[in-house]
Protein backbone atom coordinates (compact mmCIF):
# COMPACT_ATOMS: atom_id res chain seq x y z
CA MET A 1 -9.08 -47.31 2.62
CA SER A 2 -6.09 -45.93 0.85
CA ASP A 3 -7.75 -43.57 -1.66
CA CYS A 4 -10.32 -42.08 0.81
CA ILE A 5 -9.60 -38.24 1.15
CA PHE A 6 -10.60 -38.27 4.89
CA CYS A 7 -8.38 -41.25 5.56
CA LYS A 8 -5.60 -39.36 3.87
CA ILE A 9 -6.39 -36.22 6.08
CA ALA A 10 -6.28 -38.31 9.20
CA ARG A 11 -3.00 -39.89 8.23
CA GLY A 12 -1.50 -36.34 7.53
CA GLU A 13 -1.09 -37.09 3.81
CA ILE A 14 -3.32 -34.05 2.94
CA PRO A 15 -2.94 -30.90 4.86
CA SER A 16 -5.81 -29.77 7.03
CA LYS A 17 -6.41 -27.21 9.77
CA LYS A 18 -6.51 -29.70 12.69
CA VAL A 19 -8.74 -29.06 15.68
CA TYR A 20 -8.04 -32.30 17.56
CA GLU A 21 -6.36 -35.71 17.25
CA ASP A 22 -6.11 -38.76 19.41
CA ALA A 23 -5.61 -42.52 18.60
CA GLU A 24 -9.26 -42.94 17.31
CA LEU A 25 -10.54 -39.58 16.16
CA PHE A 26 -9.47 -36.57 14.14
CA ALA A 27 -11.19 -33.20 13.91
CA PHE A 28 -10.44 -30.46 11.31
CA HIS A 29 -11.96 -27.30 9.91
CA ASP A 30 -14.22 -27.70 6.89
CA ILE A 31 -12.50 -26.22 3.69
CA ASN A 32 -15.97 -24.91 2.67
CA PRO A 33 -17.55 -23.54 5.83
CA VAL A 34 -21.23 -22.68 5.85
CA ALA A 35 -20.92 -20.80 9.21
CA PRO A 36 -18.22 -18.87 11.15
CA VAL A 37 -17.19 -22.13 12.88
CA HIS A 38 -17.48 -25.33 10.84
CA PHE A 39 -15.43 -28.35 11.61
CA MET A 40 -15.76 -32.06 11.29
CA VAL A 41 -15.04 -35.00 13.57
CA ILE A 42 -14.06 -38.21 11.94
CA PRO A 43 -13.05 -41.62 13.12
CA LYS A 44 -9.66 -42.72 11.94
CA LEU A 45 -11.29 -46.15 11.19
CA HIS A 46 -12.74 -46.04 7.77
CA MET A 47 -16.49 -46.44 7.88
CA ALA A 48 -18.30 -45.32 4.79
CA SER A 49 -21.34 -43.87 6.57
CA LEU A 50 -23.38 -44.07 9.74
CA ALA A 51 -25.54 -46.85 8.03
CA ASP A 52 -22.38 -49.08 8.33
CA ALA A 53 -22.18 -48.73 12.05
CA ASP A 54 -23.11 -51.69 14.36
CA GLU A 55 -22.85 -52.45 18.05
CA SER A 56 -19.16 -52.84 17.83
CA HIS A 57 -18.94 -49.05 17.00
CA ALA A 58 -20.92 -47.82 19.92
CA ALA A 59 -17.98 -46.57 22.05
CA LEU A 60 -16.38 -44.87 19.06
CA LEU A 61 -19.71 -43.16 18.10
CA GLY A 62 -20.18 -42.21 21.75
CA LYS A 63 -16.73 -40.85 21.94
CA MET A 64 -17.45 -38.61 18.83
CA LEU A 65 -20.60 -37.26 20.35
CA VAL A 66 -18.89 -36.42 23.72
CA LEU A 67 -16.01 -34.73 22.03
CA ALA A 68 -18.15 -32.51 19.77
CA PRO A 69 -19.38 -30.06 22.60
CA LYS A 70 -15.93 -29.94 24.16
CA LEU A 71 -14.39 -28.81 20.82
CA ALA A 72 -17.36 -26.55 20.14
CA GLN A 73 -16.75 -24.75 23.38
CA GLN A 74 -13.01 -24.39 22.83
CA LEU A 75 -13.81 -22.79 19.42
CA GLY A 76 -16.08 -20.16 21.08
CA LEU A 77 -19.55 -21.78 20.35
CA ASP A 78 -20.95 -20.90 23.86
CA ASN A 79 -24.40 -20.01 22.49
CA GLY A 80 -25.00 -23.43 20.90
CA PHE A 81 -24.09 -25.30 17.74
CA ARG A 82 -25.48 -27.79 15.21
CA THR A 83 -24.28 -31.31 14.63
CA VAL A 84 -25.02 -32.88 11.32
CA ILE A 85 -24.20 -36.46 10.08
CA ASN A 86 -25.22 -36.86 6.47
CA THR A 87 -25.86 -40.53 5.67
CA GLY A 88 -25.88 -41.94 2.12
CA ARG A 89 -26.48 -40.08 -1.17
CA GLY A 90 -30.12 -39.43 -0.28
CA GLY A 91 -29.05 -37.96 3.05
CA GLY A 92 -26.65 -35.50 1.27
CA GLN A 93 -23.39 -37.37 2.09
CA GLU A 94 -20.73 -36.32 -0.41
CA VAL A 95 -17.49 -37.94 1.13
CA PHE A 96 -18.13 -41.64 1.98
CA HIS A 97 -16.16 -41.65 5.21
CA LEU A 98 -18.31 -41.19 8.41
CA HIS A 99 -18.04 -37.59 9.48
CA MET A 100 -19.99 -35.34 11.81
CA HIS A 101 -20.14 -31.56 11.09
CA ILE A 102 -20.17 -29.13 13.93
CA ILE A 103 -21.60 -25.80 12.84
CA GLY A 104 -22.03 -22.59 14.71
CA GLY A 105 -21.46 -18.87 15.22
CA GLY A 106 -23.94 -16.21 14.28
CA MET A 107 -27.51 -17.19 13.48
CA ILE A 108 -27.77 -20.61 12.00
CA PRO A 109 -31.04 -20.96 9.89
CA PRO A 110 -33.43 -23.86 10.55
CA MET A 111 -32.43 -27.10 8.83
CA VAL A 112 -35.87 -27.62 7.36
CA ALA A 113 -38.27 -24.83 6.30
CA ARG A 114 -41.48 -25.06 8.22
CA SER A 115 -44.79 -23.96 6.59
């Protein structure tokens, strides 16, 4: 998708602080981090959200999940990290290109407040 901001980042048309790149995936630091370490892993293939994934994307999604802890460790997240995939407007997705946030460093609060 030519006007997608994450597609443009993956193609190098918009600068980013790159963490990783291969033929299928691109990882970069979030421009509005919510923790000391906050980066995203995206597929270079444009897919609007996780809701658009099907069996043909299984290997790509698996590769994203296997890559996340490797990059987290390289960035010093030895004590753990959070992975988040917001899906759809109701799930808090703001950029409609599938992306996985990896967040860590310091004490990360619970995602959902428990009563």
